[in-house]
Protein backbone atom coordinates (compact mmCIF):
# COMPACT_ATOMS: atom_id res chain seq x y z
CA UNK A 1 -20.69 4.73 -24.45
CA UNK A 2 -19.70 3.72 -20.98
CA UNK A 3 -19.13 6.81 -18.72
CA UNK A 4 -15.55 5.94 -17.77
CA UNK A 5 -14.48 5.04 -21.51
CA UNK A 6 -16.25 8.34 -22.61
CA UNK A 7 -13.89 10.20 -20.12
CA UNK A 8 -11.26 8.86 -21.68
CA UNK A 9 -12.15 9.49 -25.22
CA UNK A 10 -12.68 12.92 -24.40
CA UNK A 11 -9.37 13.60 -23.14
CA UNK A 12 -7.76 12.32 -26.16
CA UNK A 13 -9.97 13.74 -28.84
CA UNK A 14 -9.90 16.93 -27.16
CA UNK A 15 -6.06 16.72 -27.59
CA UNK A 16 -5.07 15.85 -31.14
CA UNK A 17 -1.49 15.19 -31.10
CA UNK A 18 -0.84 14.70 -27.25
CA UNK A 19 2.59 13.30 -25.89
CA UNK A 20 2.76 10.68 -23.64
CA UNK A 21 4.99 13.19 -21.60
CA UNK A 22 1.83 15.28 -20.86
CA UNK A 23 -0.11 12.93 -18.82
CA UNK A 24 -0.78 14.11 -15.72
CA UNK A 25 1.13 12.51 -12.65
CA UNK A 26 -1.16 11.18 -10.17
CA UNK A 27 -0.44 9.61 -7.01
CA UNK A 28 -2.73 6.92 -4.73
CA UNK A 29 -2.52 5.90 -1.80
CA UNK A 30 -4.20 3.46 -0.04
CA UNK A 31 -4.82 4.06 3.64
CA UNK A 32 -7.74 2.02 4.96
CA UNK A 33 -6.26 -0.75 6.72
CA UNK A 34 -6.54 -1.36 10.41
CA UNK A 35 -3.51 -2.57 11.37
CA UNK A 36 -4.10 -4.96 13.93
CA UNK A 37 -0.73 -6.20 14.84
CA UNK A 38 0.24 -2.75 16.19
CA UNK A 39 -2.08 -3.17 19.10
CA UNK A 40 -2.59 -1.44 21.57
CA UNK A 41 -1.50 1.48 19.83
CA UNK A 42 -3.45 0.75 16.39
CA UNK A 43 -7.06 1.41 16.95
CA UNK A 44 -10.17 1.65 14.50
CA UNK A 45 -9.84 5.20 14.05
CA UNK A 46 -5.57 5.15 14.62
CA UNK A 47 -4.39 2.35 12.27
CA UNK A 48 -0.80 2.03 11.71
CA UNK A 49 -0.54 4.20 9.04
CA UNK A 50 -1.68 7.12 11.22
CA UNK A 51 1.06 6.01 13.95
CA UNK A 52 4.41 7.44 14.34
CA UNK A 53 5.65 3.74 14.34
CA UNK A 54 9.39 4.96 12.58
CA UNK A 55 10.74 8.30 13.70
CA UNK A 56 8.60 11.41 14.55
CA UNK A 57 5.97 11.65 11.29
CA UNK A 58 3.09 9.54 10.81
CA UNK A 59 3.64 6.52 8.54
CA UNK A 60 0.90 8.14 5.99
CA UNK A 61 3.16 11.32 6.22
CA UNK A 62 6.54 9.96 5.35
CA UNK A 63 5.16 8.53 2.56
CA UNK A 64 3.52 11.48 0.97
CA UNK A 65 7.09 13.41 1.95
CA UNK A 66 8.61 10.38 -0.29
CA UNK A 67 6.48 11.69 -3.24
CA UNK A 68 7.53 15.49 -2.60
CA UNK A 69 9.73 15.77 -5.80
CA UNK A 70 7.99 13.32 -8.01
CA UNK A 71 4.46 14.56 -7.87
CA UNK A 72 2.47 17.33 -6.98
CA UNK A 73 0.49 17.80 -3.97
CA UNK A 74 -2.17 18.63 -5.83
CA UNK A 75 -2.32 15.41 -7.60
CA UNK A 76 -2.55 13.21 -4.67
CA UNK A 77 -5.54 11.34 -3.46
CA UNK A 78 -6.12 9.10 -1.00
CA UNK A 79 -8.27 6.19 -0.49
CA UNK A 80 -9.61 5.15 2.87
CA UNK A 81 -12.72 4.56 5.34
CA UNK A 82 -15.27 6.33 6.43
CA UNK A 83 -13.91 5.48 10.00
CA UNK A 84 -10.68 6.71 9.39
CA UNK A 85 -11.45 9.95 6.88
CA UNK A 86 -11.58 12.66 9.43
CA UNK A 87 -8.50 11.87 10.82
CA UNK A 88 -6.79 11.25 7.57
CA UNK A 89 -8.10 14.52 6.51
CA UNK A 90 -6.57 16.18 9.98
CA UNK A 91 -3.30 14.32 9.10
CA UNK A 92 -3.51 16.09 5.36
CA UNK A 93 -4.53 19.38 5.58
CA UNK A 94 -2.82 20.83 2.71
CA UNK A 95 -4.33 18.11 0.36
CA UNK A 96 -7.91 18.94 -0.65
CA UNK A 97 -10.75 17.08 0.80
CA UNK A 98 -12.16 16.07 -2.46
CA UNK A 99 -9.24 13.92 -2.78
CA UNK A 100 -9.47 12.01 0.21
CA UNK A 101 -12.09 9.04 -1.19
CA UNK A 102 -13.61 6.99 2.05
CA UNK A 103 -14.94 4.00 1.10
CA UNK A 104 -18.22 3.11 2.75
CA UNK A 105 -17.70 -0.49 3.14
CA UNK A 106 -13.95 -2.04 2.90
CA UNK A 107 -14.08 -4.34 -0.78
CA UNK A 108 -10.09 -5.21 -0.56
CA UNK A 109 -7.73 -3.25 -3.43
CA UNK A 110 -9.26 -3.66 -6.73
CA UNK A 111 -12.24 -1.73 -5.55
CA UNK A 112 -10.31 0.88 -3.95
CA UNK A 113 -7.66 1.53 -6.91
CA UNK A 114 -10.86 1.40 -9.06
CA UNK A 115 -12.66 4.17 -7.44
CA UNK A 116 -9.72 6.18 -7.67
CA UNK A 117 -9.34 5.63 -11.30
CA UNK A 118 -12.62 6.50 -11.74
CA UNK A 119 -12.18 9.69 -10.22
CA UNK A 120 -8.97 10.54 -12.32
CA UNK A 121 -10.66 9.34 -15.61
CA UNK A 122 -13.49 11.82 -14.67
CA UNK A 123 -10.98 14.84 -13.76
CA UNK A 124 -7.93 14.26 -16.52
CA UNK A 125 -9.66 11.45 -18.97
CA UNK A 126 -6.05 9.68 -19.01
CA UNK A 127 -3.01 10.02 -16.60
CA UNK A 128 -0.08 8.52 -15.43
CA UNK A 129 -0.84 6.41 -11.69
CA UNK A 130 1.27 5.47 -9.16
CA UNK A 131 -0.58 3.21 -6.65
CA UNK A 132 1.34 2.95 -3.37
CA UNK A 133 1.03 1.60 -0.10
CA UNK A 134 0.34 4.26 3.11
CA UNK A 135 2.25 2.63 5.80
CA UNK A 136 5.60 1.06 4.44
CA UNK A 137 8.54 2.17 5.71
CA UNK A 138 11.84 2.70 2.92
CA UNK A 139 15.29 3.32 3.72
CA UNK A 140 17.00 4.70 0.70
CA UNK A 141 14.28 7.42 -0.55
CA UNK A 142 17.00 8.51 -3.11
CA UNK A 143 16.85 5.14 -4.81
CA UNK A 144 13.01 4.74 -4.70
CA UNK A 145 12.42 7.93 -6.38
CA UNK A 146 14.61 7.22 -9.33
CA UNK A 147 12.80 3.87 -9.66
CA UNK A 148 9.38 5.14 -9.40
CA UNK A 149 10.62 7.83 -12.40
CA UNK A 150 11.69 4.47 -14.73
CA UNK A 151 8.56 2.84 -13.49
CA UNK A 152 6.74 5.73 -14.88
CA UNK A 153 8.52 5.67 -18.07
CA UNK A 154 7.88 2.54 -18.42
CA UNK A 155 4.10 2.70 -17.87
CA UNK A 156 3.95 5.57 -20.16
CA UNK A 157 3.49 2.67 -23.05
CA UNK A 158 -0.48 1.96 -23.58
CA UNK A 159 -1.21 -1.43 -22.06
CA UNK A 160 1.74 -1.53 -19.85
CA UNK A 161 1.19 -2.74 -16.03
CA UNK A 162 4.20 -2.31 -14.19
CA UNK A 163 5.23 -3.43 -10.11
CA UNK A 164 7.84 -2.80 -7.85
CA UNK A 165 9.46 -6.30 -6.65
CA UNK A 166 11.70 -5.88 -3.58
CA UNK A 167 14.36 -8.21 -3.58
CA UNK A 168 13.79 -11.48 -0.65
CA UNK A 169 16.26 -10.99 2.22
CA UNK A 170 14.62 -14.45 3.79
CA UNK A 171 12.27 -16.70 2.85
CA UNK A 172 9.29 -14.87 4.31
CA UNK A 173 5.84 -16.71 4.13
CA UNK A 174 4.00 -13.69 4.65
CA UNK A 175 3.91 -11.80 1.46
CA UNK A 176 2.92 -12.45 -2.45
CA UNK A 177 5.83 -13.23 -4.67
CA UNK A 178 6.27 -11.92 -8.24
CA UNK A 179 8.17 -14.47 -10.58
CA UNK A 180 9.84 -12.73 -12.93
CA UNK A 181 10.61 -13.55 -16.78
CA UNK A 182 12.95 -12.38 -19.74
CA UNK A 183 14.69 -9.32 -19.59
CA UNK A 184 12.91 -6.37 -21.48
CA UNK A 185 14.71 -2.99 -22.82
CA UNK A 186 15.97 -0.88 -19.50
CA UNK A 187 13.97 1.58 -18.74
CA UNK A 188 15.85 4.96 -18.00
CA UNK A 189 18.61 2.79 -17.29
CA UNK A 190 17.04 0.36 -15.12
CA UNK A 191 16.37 -3.33 -15.57
CA UNK A 192 13.16 -4.67 -16.40
CA UNK A 193 11.83 -7.59 -16.91
CA UNK A 194 8.23 -9.33 -18.06
CA UNK A 195 6.20 -10.76 -15.08
CA UNK A 196 5.54 -14.64 -15.44
CA UNK A 197 3.28 -15.33 -12.57
CA UNK A 198 2.34 -13.91 -9.24
CA UNK A 199 2.23 -16.36 -6.59
CA UNK A 200 0.07 -16.54 -3.39
CA UNK A 201 1.44 -16.85 0.06
CA UNK A 202 3.98 -19.85 0.01
CA UNK A 203 4.66 -22.45 2.25
CA UNK A 204 7.95 -22.42 4.07
CA UNK A 205 9.65 -25.02 1.41
CA UNK A 206 8.36 -22.85 -1.55
CA UNK A 207 9.71 -20.03 0.14
CA UNK A 208 12.86 -21.06 0.69
CA UNK A 209 12.97 -22.45 -3.27
CA UNK A 210 11.89 -18.77 -4.09
CA UNK A 211 14.88 -17.39 -2.43
CA UNK A 212 16.98 -19.58 -3.36
CA UNK A 213 16.38 -19.23 -7.18
CA UNK A 214 16.99 -15.47 -7.58
CA UNK A 215 13.89 -15.18 -9.69
CA UNK A 216 11.25 -14.32 -7.11
CA UNK A 217 10.38 -10.88 -5.86
CA UNK A 218 8.25 -9.95 -2.67
CA UNK A 219 4.87 -8.22 -4.09
CA UNK A 220 5.04 -4.79 -2.07
CA UNK A 221 1.98 -3.79 -3.81
CA UNK A 222 3.91 -0.99 -5.35
CA UNK A 223 1.77 -0.30 -9.02
CA UNK A 224 2.33 1.91 -11.94
CA UNK A 225 -0.37 2.43 -15.36
CA UNK A 226 -1.96 4.91 -17.20
CA UNK A 227 -5.51 4.85 -15.96
CA UNK A 228 -7.05 4.25 -19.23
CA UNK A 229 -4.96 0.60 -19.09
CA UNK A 230 -6.48 -0.24 -15.57
CA UNK A 231 -9.77 0.64 -16.75
CA UNK A 232 -9.33 -1.02 -19.85
CA UNK A 233 -8.28 -4.58 -17.81
CA UNK A 234 -11.11 -3.68 -14.94
CA UNK A 235 -13.07 -4.03 -17.86
CA UNK A 236 -11.92 -7.16 -19.15
CA UNK A 237 -11.22 -9.11 -15.89
CA UNK A 238 -13.61 -7.37 -13.66
CA UNK A 239 -16.85 -6.16 -15.87
CA UNK A 240 -19.03 -5.76 -12.83
CA UNK A 241 -16.86 -3.73 -10.93
CA UNK A 242 -16.03 -1.41 -13.99
CA UNK A 243 -20.14 -1.28 -14.94
CA UNK A 244 -20.96 -0.37 -11.44
CA UNK A 245 -18.44 2.18 -11.04
CA UNK A 246 -19.14 3.60 -14.54
CA UNK A 247 -22.29 4.59 -12.86
CA UNK A 248 -20.51 6.39 -10.37
CA UNK A 249 -18.44 8.74 -12.42
CA UNK A 250 -21.68 10.33 -13.58
CA UNK A 251 -22.20 11.26 -9.84
CA UNK A 252 -18.94 12.75 -8.78
CA UNK A 253 -19.53 16.64 -8.57
CA UNK A 254 -23.16 16.06 -7.81
CA UNK A 255 -25.27 16.10 -5.01
CA UNK A 256 -25.96 11.76 -6.05
CA UNK A 257 -22.52 11.40 -5.39
CA UNK A 258 -22.42 10.24 -1.37
CA UNK A 259 -25.69 8.01 -2.43
CA UNK A 260 -24.45 6.40 -5.35
CA UNK A 261 -21.39 5.55 -3.35
CA UNK A 262 -23.34 3.90 -0.41
CA UNK A 263 -25.51 2.08 -2.58
CA UNK A 264 -23.23 0.49 -5.33
CA UNK A 265 -19.84 -0.05 -3.36
CA UNK A 266 -21.40 -2.86 -1.18
CA UNK A 267 -21.90 -4.54 -4.64
CA UNK A 268 -18.47 -4.51 -6.00
CA UNK A 269 -16.10 -7.47 -5.66
CA UNK A 270 -13.99 -8.38 -2.75
CA UNK A 271 -10.86 -8.99 -4.50
CA UNK A 272 -7.22 -7.67 -4.16
CA UNK A 273 -5.90 -5.95 -7.70
CA UNK A 274 -3.18 -8.86 -7.91
CA UNK A 275 -5.65 -11.31 -7.94
CA UNK A 276 -8.59 -9.46 -9.72
CA UNK A 277 -5.97 -7.84 -12.58
CA UNK A 278 -2.13 -8.46 -12.28
CA UNK A 279 -2.39 -12.23 -12.26
CA UNK A 280 -4.89 -12.65 -15.39
CA UNK A 281 -2.77 -9.86 -17.36
CA UNK A 282 0.03 -12.45 -17.21
CA UNK A 283 -2.22 -15.54 -18.93
CA UNK A 284 -2.88 -13.03 -21.50
CA UNK A 285 -1.32 -14.58 -24.98
CA UNK A 286 1.04 -12.36 -27.06
CA UNK A 287 3.61 -10.25 -25.90
CA UNK A 288 4.22 -9.79 -22.09
CA UNK A 289 2.67 -6.34 -20.78
CA UNK A 290 3.33 -6.82 -17.12
CA UNK A 291 6.51 -5.99 -15.93
CA UNK A 292 8.54 -5.88 -12.71
CA UNK A 293 10.99 -3.47 -11.56
CA UNK A 294 13.41 -4.62 -8.99
CA UNK A 295 13.69 -2.20 -5.89
CA UNK A 296 16.19 -2.65 -3.46
CA UNK A 297 15.28 0.75 -1.62
CA UNK A 298 15.44 -0.74 2.15
CA UNK A 299 11.86 -1.47 2.11
CA UNK A 300 10.06 -2.86 4.91
CA UNK A 301 5.81 -3.47 5.63
CA UNK A 302 6.84 -3.21 9.42
CA UNK A 303 3.96 -6.04 9.86
CA UNK A 304 4.76 -6.41 13.48
CA UNK A 305 6.59 -4.96 16.44
CA UNK A 306 9.45 -7.60 16.27
CA UNK A 307 9.80 -5.53 13.04
CA UNK A 308 9.84 -2.15 14.41
CA UNK A 309 12.73 -3.25 17.13
CA UNK A 310 14.77 -4.61 14.00
CA UNK A 311 14.79 -1.22 11.71
CA UNK A 312 15.64 0.43 15.17
CA UNK A 313 18.08 -1.82 16.69
CA UNK A 314 21.69 -0.86 15.68
CA UNK A 315 23.66 -4.23 17.22
CA UNK A 316 22.27 -7.84 17.85
CA UNK A 317 20.89 -7.52 21.58
CA UNK A 318 20.13 -3.56 21.75
CA UNK A 319 17.61 -2.32 23.81
CA UNK A 320 15.11 -0.13 21.92
CA UNK A 321 13.18 2.09 23.76
CA UNK A 322 10.63 5.05 22.81
CA UNK A 323 11.44 6.63 26.57
CA UNK A 324 13.56 6.44 29.56
CA UNK A 325 15.02 3.25 30.27
CA UNK A 326 16.77 1.53 33.12
CA UNK A 327 17.98 -2.04 31.53
CA UNK A 328 19.90 -4.59 34.12
CA UNK A 329 21.24 -7.69 32.34
CA UNK A 330 18.05 -6.97 29.66
CA UNK A 331 18.79 -7.50 26.12
CA UNK A 332 17.22 -7.20 22.64
CA UNK A 333 14.00 -5.88 24.22
CA UNK A 334 11.66 -3.06 22.47
CA UNK A 335 9.94 -1.01 25.28
CA UNK A 336 7.27 1.54 23.86
CA UNK A 337 6.35 3.78 26.95
CA UNK A 338 7.21 7.55 25.92
CA UNK A 339 6.13 9.24 29.54
CA UNK A 340 7.20 6.49 31.94
CA UNK A 341 10.44 4.90 32.98
CA UNK A 342 10.75 1.41 32.16
CA UNK A 343 13.07 -0.17 34.53
CA UNK A 344 13.99 -3.97 32.90
CA UNK A 345 15.73 -6.44 34.82
CA UNK A 346 16.92 -9.73 33.55
CA UNK A 347 14.18 -10.17 30.70
CA UNK A 348 15.23 -10.80 27.39
CA UNK A 349 13.35 -10.15 23.69
CA UNK A 350 10.15 -8.89 25.03
CA UNK A 351 8.08 -6.14 23.59
CA UNK A 352 6.26 -4.31 25.70
CA UNK A 353 3.93 -1.11 24.68
CA UNK A 354 1.61 1.13 27.55
CA UNK A 355 -0.71 3.14 26.39
CA UNK A 356 -3.40 4.81 28.70
CA UNK A 357 -5.90 1.73 28.53
CA UNK A 358 -3.71 -1.20 27.70
CA UNK A 359 -0.81 -2.92 28.42
CA UNK A 360 1.04 -5.09 25.68
CA UNK A 361 3.65 -7.60 27.31
CA UNK A 362 5.07 -10.28 24.25
CA UNK A 363 8.03 -12.65 23.49
CA UNK A 364 9.80 -10.31 20.76
CA UNK A 365 9.38 -13.22 18.24
CA UNK A 366 5.40 -14.00 19.04
CA UNK A 367 4.76 -10.35 18.30
CA UNK A 368 2.89 -11.50 14.59
CA UNK A 369 -0.31 -13.27 17.54
CA UNK A 370 -0.59 -9.50 18.47
CA UNK A 371 -3.72 -9.70 16.01
CA UNK A 372 -5.19 -12.63 18.11
CA UNK A 373 -5.52 -10.45 20.95
CA UNK A 374 -7.89 -8.11 18.63
CA UNK A 375 -9.78 -11.04 17.71
CA UNK A 376 -10.41 -11.94 21.17
CA UNK A 377 -11.34 -8.26 21.89
CA UNK A 378 -13.76 -8.33 19.08
CA UNK A 379 -15.18 -11.50 20.33
CA UNK A 380 -15.76 -10.57 23.92
CA UNK A 381 -17.01 -7.23 22.48
CA UNK A 382 -14.74 -5.00 24.25
CA UNK A 383 -15.25 -1.82 21.77
CA UNK A 384 -13.59 0.54 23.75
CA UNK A 385 -10.11 -1.21 23.26
CA UNK A 386 -10.97 -1.72 19.68
């Protein structure tokens, strides 16, 4: 039997009559993104999740805080990359260093989640696993926690794959969508629907149709399942990745781990978990095992400086500034210059971000294009600014 399957089998066999509620609850935070649209604050070693974009704490610490009453800190894991691992360890000093997993190369979310699941299977045999992004904003934390509990309850059933879906507020073309199917039995009083399909980022006409139908949710990348369920699906739909990580499982806790990880990880498929596991799982014959729970929690992926402005502005046309501001006939601007006085005269709907070595000035509705500046810097080999 393969290493991963053996780990799960040993855990169940060693605990006759084990009840589902006895499964340990673990959270895996994905923290390997660069956040290029937040340049010049966001850099290779200090990406979006390690910045205090909204509020005083970093996005990563805010994500940890939302889990305080749900998941013990000893059961929280973070998947990041080699360039950011040291900064993540400094940011999360209360987390065991062994729970911060560094990918030697980026291989998208399917591989990152599978890496964490491999460690959880080796440690626990089986567990409930909440997979969450580390750089999103949630306004209604109490409701978020309630829905996570309901989703975890739903995910206890073997074979169940659960995703939280964000009710769309606009025909956004930058997100994937989830189409709901028939209602399922509620979980802890919370509505649950089968998932008919996952869709790619739509063109504007499709996005408008999705929102008008009332049957679609934004896919925010919040997944819940048993470790054994995920690994069974990984074995079915992504067998090469499953097999490679089965080899890694035997090296966990040994001196060989780092060398085996560096050898096998570049061979893993570079694909998102949505395309690799969730989409094909919805096409399996029989009763649906993939479900979505609507999550109206004031969520935002904070994908641009304009999104930051929209979250912080309390009224239309308000100027938002991180530092001292003198504004004359200026409206709708976002300024990030904590130390310097910003004097704005007769300007509207701008973004200004001032750092020690760079200054960004953009129309607010063009802030999605900041990533193009990063690509230009890469092309010019301006590594000191990356």
